[in-house]
C-alpha atoms as a PDB file:
ATOM      1  CA  MET A   1    -311.251-157.664  53.329  1.00  0.00           C
ATOM      2  CA  ASP A   2    -312.199-154.105  53.618  1.00  0.00           C
ATOM      3  CA  LEU A   3    -310.152-150.976  54.391  1.00  0.00           C
ATOM      4  CA  ALA A   4    -310.875-151.052  58.079  1.00  0.00           C
ATOM      5  CA  ASP A   5    -309.474-154.556  58.414  1.00  0.00           C
ATOM      6  CA  ILE A   6    -306.315-153.558  56.622  1.00  0.00           C
ATOM      7  CA  ILE A   7    -305.861-150.487  58.805  1.00  0.00           C
ATOM      8  CA  ILE A   8    -306.261-152.673  61.934  1.00  0.00           C
ATOM      9  CA  GLN A   9    -303.840-155.274  60.802  1.00  0.00           C
ATOM     10  CA  ILE A  10    -301.214-152.678  59.895  1.00  0.00           C
ATOM     11  CA  ALA A  11    -301.793-150.736  63.269  1.00  0.00           C
ATOM     12  CA  THR A  12    -301.512-154.088  65.138  1.00  0.00           C
ATOM     13  CA  LYS A  13    -298.294-155.162  63.236  1.00  0.00           C
ATOM     14  CA  TYR A  14    -296.696-151.671  63.205  1.00  0.00           C
ATOM     15  CA  PRO A  15    -297.992-149.583  66.079  1.00  0.00           C
ATOM     16  CA  TRP A  16    -295.421-146.781  65.579  1.00  0.00           C
ATOM     17  CA  ILE A  17    -297.360-145.776  62.401  1.00  0.00           C
ATOM     18  CA  ILE A  18    -300.366-144.726  64.508  1.00  0.00           C
ATOM     19  CA  VAL A  19    -298.049-142.616  66.632  1.00  0.00           C
ATOM     20  CA  VAL A  20    -296.311-141.013  63.679  1.00  0.00           C
ATOM     21  CA  LEU A  21    -299.761-140.231  61.991  1.00  0.00           C
ATOM     22  CA  SER A  22    -301.098-138.917  65.271  1.00  0.00           C
ATOM     23  CA  VAL A  23    -298.159-136.563  65.832  1.00  0.00           C
ATOM     24  CA  MET A  24    -298.439-135.284  62.193  1.00  0.00           C
ATOM     25  CA  GLY A  25    -302.172-134.612  62.532  1.00  0.00           C
ATOM     26  CA  ALA A  26    -301.736-132.874  65.795  1.00  0.00           C
ATOM     27  CA  THR A  27    -298.837-130.760  64.586  1.00  0.00           C
ATOM     28  CA  ARG A  28    -300.880-129.682  61.607  1.00  0.00           C
ATOM     29  CA  ILE A  29    -303.858-128.711  63.725  1.00  0.00           C
ATOM     30  CA  VAL A  30    -301.840-126.660  66.197  1.00  0.00           C
ATOM     31  CA  PHE A  31    -299.409-124.871  63.718  1.00  0.00           C
ATOM     32  CA  LYS A  32    -301.943-124.210  61.008  1.00  0.00           C
ATOM     33  CA  GLY A  33    -304.490-122.985  63.497  1.00  0.00           C
ATOM     34  CA  LEU A  34    -302.002-120.710  65.396  1.00  0.00           C
ATOM     35  CA  PHE A  35    -300.757-119.078  62.192  1.00  0.00           C
ATOM     36  CA  SER A  36    -304.206-118.745  60.742  1.00  0.00           C
ATOM     37  CA  MET A  37    -305.317-117.084  63.931  1.00  0.00           C
ATOM     38  CA  ALA A  38    -302.407-114.687  64.017  1.00  0.00           C
ATOM     39  CA  GLN A  39    -303.022-113.748  60.343  1.00  0.00           C
ATOM     40  CA  ALA A  40    -306.682-113.153  61.044  1.00  0.00           C
ATOM     41  CA  TYR A  41    -305.944-110.978  64.068  1.00  0.00           C
ATOM     42  CA  VAL A  42    -303.488-108.886  62.082  1.00  0.00           C
ATOM     43  CA  ASP A  43    -305.968-108.492  59.235  1.00  0.00           C
ATOM     44  CA  SER A  44    -308.771-107.497  61.717  1.00  0.00           C
ATOM     45  CA  THR A  45    -306.778-104.680  63.416  1.00  0.00           C
ATOM     46  CA  VAL A  46    -306.468-101.092  62.050  1.00  0.00           C
ATOM     47  CA  ASP A  47    -302.942-100.719  63.345  1.00  0.00           C
ATOM     48  CA  VAL A  48    -300.385-101.191  60.611  1.00  0.00           C
ATOM     49  CA  ALA A  49    -297.607-101.881  63.078  1.00  0.00           C
ATOM     50  CA  ASP A  50    -298.768-105.443  63.717  1.00  0.00           C
ATOM     51  CA  ASN A  51    -298.886-106.136  59.935  1.00  0.00           C
ATOM     52  CA  GLU A  52    -295.292-104.966  59.748  1.00  0.00           C
ATOM     53  CA  VAL A  53    -294.311-107.286  62.644  1.00  0.00           C
ATOM     54  CA  LEU A  54    -295.969-110.286  61.003  1.00  0.00           C
ATOM     55  CA  ILE A  55    -294.300-109.504  57.697  1.00  0.00           C
ATOM     56  CA  LYS A  56    -290.864-109.310  59.328  1.00  0.00           C
ATOM     57  CA  VAL A  57    -291.402-112.574  61.075  1.00  0.00           C
ATOM     58  CA  GLU A  58    -292.575-114.328  57.968  1.00  0.00           C
ATOM     59  CA  GLN A  59    -289.610-112.982  55.992  1.00  0.00           C
ATOM     60  CA  ALA A  60    -287.019-114.013  58.678  1.00  0.00           C
ATOM     61  CA  LYS A  61    -284.687-116.747  57.943  1.00  0.00           C
ATOM     62  CA  TRP A  62    -285.478-118.668  61.065  1.00  0.00           C
ATOM     63  CA  PHE A  63    -289.210-118.547  60.184  1.00  0.00           C
ATOM     64  CA  LYS A  64    -288.547-119.914  56.731  1.00  0.00           C
ATOM     65  CA  THR A  65    -286.292-122.662  58.161  1.00  0.00           C
ATOM     66  CA  VAL A  66    -288.959-123.699  60.741  1.00  0.00           C
ATOM     67  CA  SER A  67    -291.660-123.662  58.037  1.00  0.00           C
ATOM     68  CA  TYR A  68    -289.501-125.839  55.803  1.00  0.00           C
ATOM     69  CA  ILE A  69    -288.760-128.339  58.530  1.00  0.00           C
ATOM     70  CA  LEU A  70    -292.481-128.514  59.533  1.00  0.00           C
ATOM     71  CA  ASP A  71    -293.560-128.917  55.890  1.00  0.00           C
ATOM     72  CA  PHE A  72    -290.887-131.638  55.188  1.00  0.00           C
ATOM     73  CA  ALA A  73    -291.290-133.600  58.434  1.00  0.00           C
ATOM     74  CA  PHE A  74    -295.008-133.323  59.223  1.00  0.00           C
ATOM     75  CA  SER A  75    -296.520-131.982  55.965  1.00  0.00           C
ATOM     76  CA  VAL A  76    -297.650-128.870  57.763  1.00  0.00           C
ATOM     77  CA  LYS A  77    -298.061-125.916  55.257  1.00  0.00           C
ATOM     78  CA  ILE A  78    -298.063-122.690  57.284  1.00  0.00           C
ATOM     79  CA  PRO A  79    -300.310-120.240  55.585  1.00  0.00           C
ATOM     80  CA  VAL A  80    -298.333-117.177  54.704  1.00  0.00           C
ATOM     81  CA  LYS A  81    -300.234-114.267  53.150  1.00  0.00           C
ATOM     82  CA  LYS A  82    -298.542-112.733  50.106  1.00  0.00           C
ATOM     83  CA  VAL A  83    -298.699-108.951  50.795  1.00  0.00           C
ATOM     84  CA  SER A  84    -296.760-106.158  49.121  1.00  0.00           C
ATOM     85  CA  VAL A  85    -296.412-103.759  52.082  1.00  0.00           C
ATOM     86  CA  GLU A  86    -293.375-101.540  52.212  1.00  0.00           C
ATOM     87  CA  VAL A  87    -291.717-101.706  55.673  1.00  0.00           C
ATOM     88  CA  VAL A  88    -289.968 -98.451  56.697  1.00  0.00           C
ATOM     89  CA  LYS A  89    -287.233 -98.723  59.218  1.00  0.00           C
END
């Protein structure tokens, strides 16, 4: 019995596993892609204001909570760039 047969048997007996794995994969693709594109956009612009906005968002409590929930529930590790930029109010 090879791996493909085992996967087919598990999927046939427990179809919800396929749904859970599909949701996890789709969530990882969407969120990691969005945050990577946002970081790449901010890095590519000359304006410092968008860097400050992204830093404020990444340091916000709601963002950290959402990141933790995504990481715990779906194993989505949102890329956060460690930058030491002083934000002046």
